N, C-alpha and C. Protein backbone atom coordinates (compact mmCIF):
# COMPACT_ATOMS: atom_id res chain seq x y z
N UNK A 1 0.66 14.29 -9.32
CA UNK A 1 -0.53 13.77 -8.40
C UNK A 1 -1.51 13.01 -9.35
N UNK A 2 -1.96 11.75 -9.10
CA UNK A 2 -3.00 11.12 -9.76
C UNK A 2 -4.22 11.17 -9.46
N UNK A 3 -5.30 10.60 -10.06
CA UNK A 3 -6.60 10.67 -9.80
C UNK A 3 -6.98 9.81 -8.56
N UNK A 4 -5.92 8.95 -8.12
CA UNK A 4 -6.03 8.06 -6.99
C UNK A 4 -5.88 8.69 -5.71
N UNK A 5 -6.79 9.25 -5.02
CA UNK A 5 -6.59 10.03 -3.90
C UNK A 5 -5.92 9.07 -2.68
N UNK A 6 -6.42 7.86 -2.70
CA UNK A 6 -5.95 6.92 -1.50
C UNK A 6 -4.41 6.69 -1.70
N UNK A 7 -4.03 6.45 -2.96
CA UNK A 7 -2.47 5.94 -3.14
C UNK A 7 -1.78 7.25 -3.05
N UNK A 8 -2.21 8.46 -3.33
CA UNK A 8 -1.53 9.58 -3.24
C UNK A 8 -1.21 10.02 -1.91
N UNK A 9 -1.93 9.36 -0.80
CA UNK A 9 -1.62 9.62 0.73
C UNK A 9 -1.39 8.57 1.44
N UNK A 10 -0.70 7.62 0.74
CA UNK A 10 -0.18 6.44 1.64
C UNK A 10 0.57 6.78 2.83
N UNK A 11 1.53 7.80 2.64
CA UNK A 11 2.50 8.24 3.72
C UNK A 11 1.80 8.63 4.93
N UNK A 12 0.41 8.77 4.92
CA UNK A 12 -0.16 9.26 6.23
C UNK A 12 -0.95 8.17 6.57
N UNK A 13 -1.22 7.01 6.10
CA UNK A 13 -1.90 5.94 6.46
C UNK A 13 -1.20 5.03 7.52
N UNK A 14 -1.85 4.99 8.77
CA UNK A 14 -1.13 4.38 9.95
C UNK A 14 -0.90 2.86 9.45
N UNK A 15 -1.68 2.07 9.02
CA UNK A 15 -1.38 0.67 8.73
C UNK A 15 -0.34 0.68 7.57
N UNK A 16 -0.26 1.57 6.74
CA UNK A 16 0.78 1.45 5.61
C UNK A 16 2.20 1.61 6.36
N UNK A 17 2.30 2.80 7.23
CA UNK A 17 3.35 3.06 8.10
C UNK A 17 3.97 1.89 8.82
N UNK A 18 2.98 1.12 9.23
CA UNK A 18 3.28 0.11 10.18
C UNK A 18 4.08 -1.24 9.47
N UNK A 19 4.05 -1.13 8.26
CA UNK A 19 4.42 -2.31 7.46
C UNK A 19 6.08 -2.05 7.30
N UNK A 20 6.59 -3.16 7.05
CA UNK A 20 8.04 -3.08 6.67
C UNK A 20 8.45 -2.40 5.50
N UNK A 21 9.51 -1.86 5.37
CA UNK A 21 9.83 -1.00 4.35
C UNK A 21 9.79 -1.63 2.97
N UNK A 22 10.09 -2.80 2.78
CA UNK A 22 10.17 -3.45 1.45
C UNK A 22 8.73 -3.64 1.03
N UNK A 23 7.76 -3.88 2.01
CA UNK A 23 6.27 -4.07 1.54
C UNK A 23 5.92 -2.59 1.27
N UNK A 24 6.18 -1.54 1.90
CA UNK A 24 5.70 -0.17 1.57
C UNK A 24 6.23 0.11 0.13
N UNK A 25 7.48 -0.25 -0.21
CA UNK A 25 8.07 0.06 -1.55
C UNK A 25 7.07 -0.74 -2.65
N UNK A 26 6.94 -1.96 -2.54
CA UNK A 26 6.24 -2.65 -3.47
C UNK A 26 4.67 -2.24 -3.41
N UNK A 27 4.08 -1.70 -2.35
CA UNK A 27 2.76 -1.13 -2.45
C UNK A 27 2.82 0.10 -3.25
N UNK A 28 3.91 0.95 -3.06
CA UNK A 28 3.99 2.26 -3.76
C UNK A 28 4.01 2.03 -5.27
N UNK A 29 4.76 0.94 -5.58
CA UNK A 29 4.92 0.60 -7.09
C UNK A 29 3.46 0.12 -7.61
N UNK A 30 2.61 -0.45 -6.70
CA UNK A 30 1.37 -0.98 -7.28
C UNK A 30 0.40 0.18 -7.13
N UNK A 31 0.81 1.37 -6.94
CA UNK A 31 -0.10 2.61 -6.73
C UNK A 31 -1.60 2.59 -7.26
N UNK A 32 -1.64 2.30 -8.72
CA UNK A 32 -3.02 2.43 -9.19
C UNK A 32 -3.91 1.44 -8.77
N UNK A 33 -3.37 0.21 -8.20
CA UNK A 33 -4.29 -0.80 -7.65
C UNK A 33 -4.68 -0.76 -6.34
N UNK A 34 -3.96 0.36 -5.48
CA UNK A 34 -4.53 0.50 -4.09
C UNK A 34 -5.36 1.58 -4.07
N UNK A 35 -6.76 1.41 -3.82
CA UNK A 35 -7.68 2.48 -3.85
C UNK A 35 -8.51 2.58 -2.49
N UNK A 36 -8.11 1.49 -1.58
CA UNK A 36 -9.01 1.35 -0.24
C UNK A 36 -8.10 0.69 0.77
N UNK A 37 -8.51 0.73 2.07
CA UNK A 37 -7.84 0.10 2.93
C UNK A 37 -7.81 -1.44 2.75
N UNK A 38 -8.91 -1.86 2.22
CA UNK A 38 -9.06 -3.24 1.81
C UNK A 38 -8.04 -3.61 0.95
N UNK A 39 -7.73 -2.95 -0.18
CA UNK A 39 -6.69 -3.22 -1.20
C UNK A 39 -5.51 -3.23 -0.54
N UNK A 40 -5.30 -2.20 0.20
CA UNK A 40 -3.90 -2.21 0.88
C UNK A 40 -3.47 -3.27 1.69
N UNK A 41 -4.50 -3.81 2.56
CA UNK A 41 -4.39 -4.99 3.37
C UNK A 41 -4.06 -6.23 2.45
N UNK A 42 -4.87 -6.37 1.41
CA UNK A 42 -4.70 -7.52 0.54
C UNK A 42 -3.36 -7.70 -0.07
N UNK A 43 -2.86 -6.54 -0.52
CA UNK A 43 -1.65 -6.49 -1.18
C UNK A 43 -0.52 -6.63 -0.19
N UNK A 44 -0.54 -6.18 1.04
CA UNK A 44 0.42 -6.32 2.20
C UNK A 44 0.45 -7.78 2.47
N UNK A 45 -0.81 -8.44 2.55
CA UNK A 45 -0.99 -9.77 3.04
C UNK A 45 -0.14 -10.58 1.93
N UNK A 46 -0.53 -10.47 0.57
CA UNK A 46 0.17 -11.17 -0.39
C UNK A 46 1.73 -11.03 -0.33
N UNK A 47 2.16 -9.83 0.01
CA UNK A 47 3.57 -9.69 -0.09
C UNK A 47 4.29 -10.28 1.08
N UNK A 48 3.71 -10.33 2.23
CA UNK A 48 4.32 -10.74 3.44
C UNK A 48 4.18 -12.30 3.29
N UNK A 49 3.20 -12.85 2.66
CA UNK A 49 2.91 -14.26 2.74
C UNK A 49 4.15 -14.88 1.73
N UNK A 50 4.46 -14.14 0.75
CA UNK A 50 5.43 -14.75 -0.24
C UNK A 50 7.05 -14.71 0.27
N UNK A 51 7.07 -13.92 1.06
CA UNK A 51 8.43 -13.64 1.81
C UNK A 51 8.82 -14.88 2.84
């Protein structure tokens, strides 16, 4: 477990769980950069825009 409590608990975040699996995997790989709901949404938007 890291010092990033938010990233460590993504699997219980309703928004995260609503995202497509490929987006979830990419966000998990970006773990240290995801520290809030706002970070999560920005990363998800960038990933879905590029697809």
